[in-house]
Amino acid sequence: MLGISKRMKNSVAFRFVVAALLVGLGCYALIAQWSGVGLFFSFLPVVTMSRTEMTKPIPSREFLVLIGVVIVFVLLVVACKWLVPASAASTIERVFRHPAFVVPFGLFLFWSLYRNYKRQKEEADA
């Protein structure tokens, strides 16, 4: 039993380090204006979830909410491509890549990762 708990603690710490690296690389990629910036942030949910959270079935209500959010997000992105003028789109992109936005965004992500790490570590200790 002791070995499983130790392995679980190591896995929590490893997931935290990988997620922190992804956040750091994602924030750097935003400032450096890399085109594949979303790739770093898209892996965060997978990295931060424990094995039990991944294998647990999703309640139907949560699944419907998830599908609804994804559909609304896709519709917003498509609508923005058609409805927002190119000059406004470049201004929005410049704002999202500015350090005044990226630094607080990165700090918020690091803070939320740390809170998630502490919660998962307490569960592993129990």
C-alpha atoms as a PDB file:
ATOM      1  CA  MET A   1       0.000   0.000   0.000  1.00  0.00           C
ATOM      2  CA  LEU A   2       2.895   2.329   0.770  1.00  0.00           C
ATOM      3  CA  GLY A   3       4.361   1.878  -2.740  1.00  0.00           C
ATOM      4  CA  ILE A   4       1.108   2.852  -4.449  1.00  0.00           C
ATOM      5  CA  SER A   5       0.815   6.036  -2.402  1.00  0.00           C
ATOM      6  CA  LYS A   6       4.441   6.979  -3.165  1.00  0.00           C
ATOM      7  CA  ARG A   7       3.914   6.288  -6.882  1.00  0.00           C
ATOM      8  CA  MET A   8       0.754   8.394  -6.816  1.00  0.00           C
ATOM      9  CA  LYS A   9       2.617  11.286  -5.132  1.00  0.00           C
ATOM     10  CA  ASN A  10       5.360  11.089  -7.762  1.00  0.00           C
ATOM     11  CA  SER A  11       2.795  11.069 -10.548  1.00  0.00           C
ATOM     12  CA  VAL A  12       1.076  14.159  -9.093  1.00  0.00           C
ATOM     13  CA  ALA A  13       4.396  16.006  -8.909  1.00  0.00           C
ATOM     14  CA  PHE A  14       5.382  14.889 -12.423  1.00  0.00           C
ATOM     15  CA  ARG A  15       2.035  16.033 -13.883  1.00  0.00           C
ATOM     16  CA  PHE A  16       2.434  19.387 -12.110  1.00  0.00           C
ATOM     17  CA  VAL A  17       5.929  19.914 -13.540  1.00  0.00           C
ATOM     18  CA  VAL A  18       4.820  18.981 -17.071  1.00  0.00           C
ATOM     19  CA  ALA A  19       1.772  21.263 -16.824  1.00  0.00           C
ATOM     20  CA  ALA A  20       3.936  24.137 -15.525  1.00  0.00           C
ATOM     21  CA  LEU A  21       6.324  23.647 -18.458  1.00  0.00           C
ATOM     22  CA  LEU A  22       3.384  23.699 -20.873  1.00  0.00           C
ATOM     23  CA  VAL A  23       2.085  26.940 -19.355  1.00  0.00           C
ATOM     24  CA  GLY A  24       5.540  28.509 -19.488  1.00  0.00           C
ATOM     25  CA  LEU A  25       6.078  27.456 -23.092  1.00  0.00           C
ATOM     26  CA  GLY A  26       2.572  28.601 -24.026  1.00  0.00           C
ATOM     27  CA  CYS A  27       3.101  32.049 -22.513  1.00  0.00           C
ATOM     28  CA  TYR A  28       6.494  32.350 -24.193  1.00  0.00           C
ATOM     29  CA  ALA A  29       4.944  31.265 -27.490  1.00  0.00           C
ATOM     30  CA  LEU A  30       2.269  33.949 -27.126  1.00  0.00           C
ATOM     31  CA  ILE A  31       4.862  36.659 -26.621  1.00  0.00           C
ATOM     32  CA  ALA A  32       7.143  35.254 -29.354  1.00  0.00           C
ATOM     33  CA  GLN A  33       4.120  35.153 -31.720  1.00  0.00           C
ATOM     34  CA  TRP A  34       4.442  31.478 -32.602  1.00  0.00           C
ATOM     35  CA  SER A  35       1.591  30.176 -34.704  1.00  0.00           C
ATOM     36  CA  GLY A  36       0.996  26.892 -32.820  1.00  0.00           C
ATOM     37  CA  VAL A  37       0.431  28.465 -29.424  1.00  0.00           C
ATOM     38  CA  GLY A  38      -2.841  26.662 -28.784  1.00  0.00           C
ATOM     39  CA  LEU A  39      -1.065  23.322 -28.823  1.00  0.00           C
ATOM     40  CA  PHE A  40       0.626  24.005 -25.480  1.00  0.00           C
ATOM     41  CA  PHE A  41      -2.574  25.081 -23.756  1.00  0.00           C
ATOM     42  CA  SER A  42      -4.701  22.317 -25.279  1.00  0.00           C
ATOM     43  CA  PHE A  43      -2.734  19.567 -23.498  1.00  0.00           C
ATOM     44  CA  LEU A  44      -3.192  21.107 -20.037  1.00  0.00           C
ATOM     45  CA  PRO A  45      -6.485  19.363 -19.176  1.00  0.00           C
ATOM     46  CA  VAL A  46      -5.074  15.977 -20.169  1.00  0.00           C
ATOM     47  CA  VAL A  47      -1.868  16.473 -18.192  1.00  0.00           C
ATOM     48  CA  THR A  48      -3.537  17.754 -15.025  1.00  0.00           C
ATOM     49  CA  MET A  49      -6.203  15.041 -14.751  1.00  0.00           C
ATOM     50  CA  SER A  50      -5.501  12.018 -12.596  1.00  0.00           C
ATOM     51  CA  ARG A  51      -6.012   8.519 -13.941  1.00  0.00           C
ATOM     52  CA  THR A  52      -9.166   8.054 -11.864  1.00  0.00           C
ATOM     53  CA  GLU A  53     -10.632  11.291 -13.219  1.00  0.00           C
ATOM     54  CA  MET A  54      -9.925  10.168 -16.790  1.00  0.00           C
ATOM     55  CA  THR A  55     -11.513   6.746 -16.384  1.00  0.00           C
ATOM     56  CA  LYS A  56     -14.594   7.978 -14.534  1.00  0.00           C
ATOM     57  CA  PRO A  57     -17.700   8.156 -16.738  1.00  0.00           C
ATOM     58  CA  ILE A  58     -18.880  11.668 -17.556  1.00  0.00           C
ATOM     59  CA  PRO A  59     -22.383  12.468 -16.255  1.00  0.00           C
ATOM     60  CA  SER A  60     -24.788  13.153 -19.107  1.00  0.00           C
ATOM     61  CA  ARG A  61     -25.516  16.702 -17.917  1.00  0.00           C
ATOM     62  CA  GLU A  62     -21.798  17.605 -17.879  1.00  0.00           C
ATOM     63  CA  PHE A  63     -21.355  16.012 -21.290  1.00  0.00           C
ATOM     64  CA  LEU A  64     -24.199  18.079 -22.749  1.00  0.00           C
ATOM     65  CA  VAL A  65     -22.753  21.255 -21.227  1.00  0.00           C
ATOM     66  CA  LEU A  66     -19.339  20.392 -22.692  1.00  0.00           C
ATOM     67  CA  ILE A  67     -20.814  19.802 -26.150  1.00  0.00           C
ATOM     68  CA  GLY A  68     -22.755  23.068 -25.895  1.00  0.00           C
ATOM     69  CA  VAL A  69     -19.655  25.049 -24.913  1.00  0.00           C
ATOM     70  CA  VAL A  70     -17.617  23.542 -27.763  1.00  0.00           C
ATOM     71  CA  ILE A  71     -20.357  24.315 -30.307  1.00  0.00           C
ATOM     72  CA  VAL A  72     -20.709  27.912 -29.059  1.00  0.00           C
ATOM     73  CA  PHE A  73     -16.919  28.356 -29.167  1.00  0.00           C
ATOM     74  CA  VAL A  74     -16.693  27.037 -32.736  1.00  0.00           C
ATOM     75  CA  LEU A  75     -19.587  29.260 -33.816  1.00  0.00           C
ATOM     76  CA  LEU A  76     -17.929  32.294 -32.228  1.00  0.00           C
ATOM     77  CA  VAL A  77     -14.636  31.593 -33.965  1.00  0.00           C
ATOM     78  CA  VAL A  78     -16.343  31.149 -37.346  1.00  0.00           C
ATOM     79  CA  ALA A  79     -18.501  34.246 -36.814  1.00  0.00           C
ATOM     80  CA  CYS A  80     -15.447  36.291 -35.850  1.00  0.00           C
ATOM     81  CA  LYS A  81     -13.650  35.223 -39.024  1.00  0.00           C
ATOM     82  CA  TRP A  82     -16.558  36.478 -41.127  1.00  0.00           C
ATOM     83  CA  LEU A  83     -17.839  39.442 -39.122  1.00  0.00           C
ATOM     84  CA  VAL A  84     -14.770  41.074 -37.583  1.00  0.00           C
ATOM     85  CA  PRO A  85     -12.780  43.289 -39.942  1.00  0.00           C
ATOM     86  CA  ALA A  86      -9.129  42.393 -40.476  1.00  0.00           C
ATOM     87  CA  SER A  87      -7.914  45.564 -38.758  1.00  0.00           C
ATOM     88  CA  ALA A  88      -9.851  44.725 -35.590  1.00  0.00           C
ATOM     89  CA  ALA A  89      -8.665  41.112 -35.720  1.00  0.00           C
ATOM     90  CA  SER A  90      -5.039  42.217 -35.846  1.00  0.00           C
ATOM     91  CA  THR A  91      -5.646  44.558 -32.909  1.00  0.00           C
ATOM     92  CA  ILE A  92      -7.207  41.735 -30.882  1.00  0.00           C
ATOM     93  CA  GLU A  93      -4.295  39.451 -31.732  1.00  0.00           C
ATOM     94  CA  ARG A  94      -1.821  42.151 -30.687  1.00  0.00           C
ATOM     95  CA  VAL A  95      -3.624  42.576 -27.343  1.00  0.00           C
ATOM     96  CA  PHE A  96      -3.587  38.828 -26.622  1.00  0.00           C
ATOM     97  CA  ARG A  97       0.141  38.641 -27.402  1.00  0.00           C
ATOM     98  CA  HIS A  98       1.093  41.710 -25.366  1.00  0.00           C
ATOM     99  CA  PRO A  99       3.048  41.057 -22.152  1.00  0.00           C
ATOM    100  CA  ALA A 100       0.489  43.100 -20.185  1.00  0.00           C
ATOM    101  CA  PHE A 101      -2.037  40.341 -20.980  1.00  0.00           C
ATOM    102  CA  VAL A 102       0.272  37.314 -21.100  1.00  0.00           C
ATOM    103  CA  VAL A 103       1.948  37.845 -17.710  1.00  0.00           C
ATOM    104  CA  PRO A 104      -1.280  38.024 -15.628  1.00  0.00           C
ATOM    105  CA  PHE A 105      -2.751  35.199 -17.708  1.00  0.00           C
ATOM    106  CA  GLY A 106       0.315  33.041 -17.049  1.00  0.00           C
ATOM    107  CA  LEU A 107       0.314  33.896 -13.339  1.00  0.00           C
ATOM    108  CA  PHE A 108      -3.362  32.941 -13.118  1.00  0.00           C
ATOM    109  CA  LEU A 109      -2.651  29.623 -14.846  1.00  0.00           C
ATOM    110  CA  PHE A 110       0.317  28.887 -12.566  1.00  0.00           C
ATOM    111  CA  TRP A 111      -1.825  29.710  -9.514  1.00  0.00           C
ATOM    112  CA  SER A 112      -4.638  27.429 -10.662  1.00  0.00           C
ATOM    113  CA  LEU A 113      -2.139  24.652 -11.452  1.00  0.00           C
ATOM    114  CA  TYR A 114      -0.684  24.982  -7.962  1.00  0.00           C
ATOM    115  CA  ARG A 115      -4.137  24.801  -6.359  1.00  0.00           C
ATOM    116  CA  ASN A 116      -4.919  21.705  -8.432  1.00  0.00           C
ATOM    117  CA  TYR A 117      -1.557  20.188  -7.434  1.00  0.00           C
ATOM    118  CA  LYS A 118      -2.198  20.803  -3.728  1.00  0.00           C
ATOM    119  CA  ARG A 119      -5.676  19.228  -3.996  1.00  0.00           C
ATOM    120  CA  GLN A 120      -4.352  16.153  -5.797  1.00  0.00           C
ATOM    121  CA  LYS A 121      -1.425  15.856  -3.385  1.00  0.00           C
ATOM    122  CA  GLU A 122      -3.794  15.893  -0.405  1.00  0.00           C
ATOM    123  CA  GLU A 123      -5.874  13.155  -2.064  1.00  0.00           C
ATOM    124  CA  ALA A 124      -2.707  11.099  -2.612  1.00  0.00           C
ATOM    125  CA  ASP A 125      -1.663  11.585   1.026  1.00  0.00           C
ATOM    126  CA  ALA A 126      -5.038  10.431   2.331  1.00  0.00           C
END
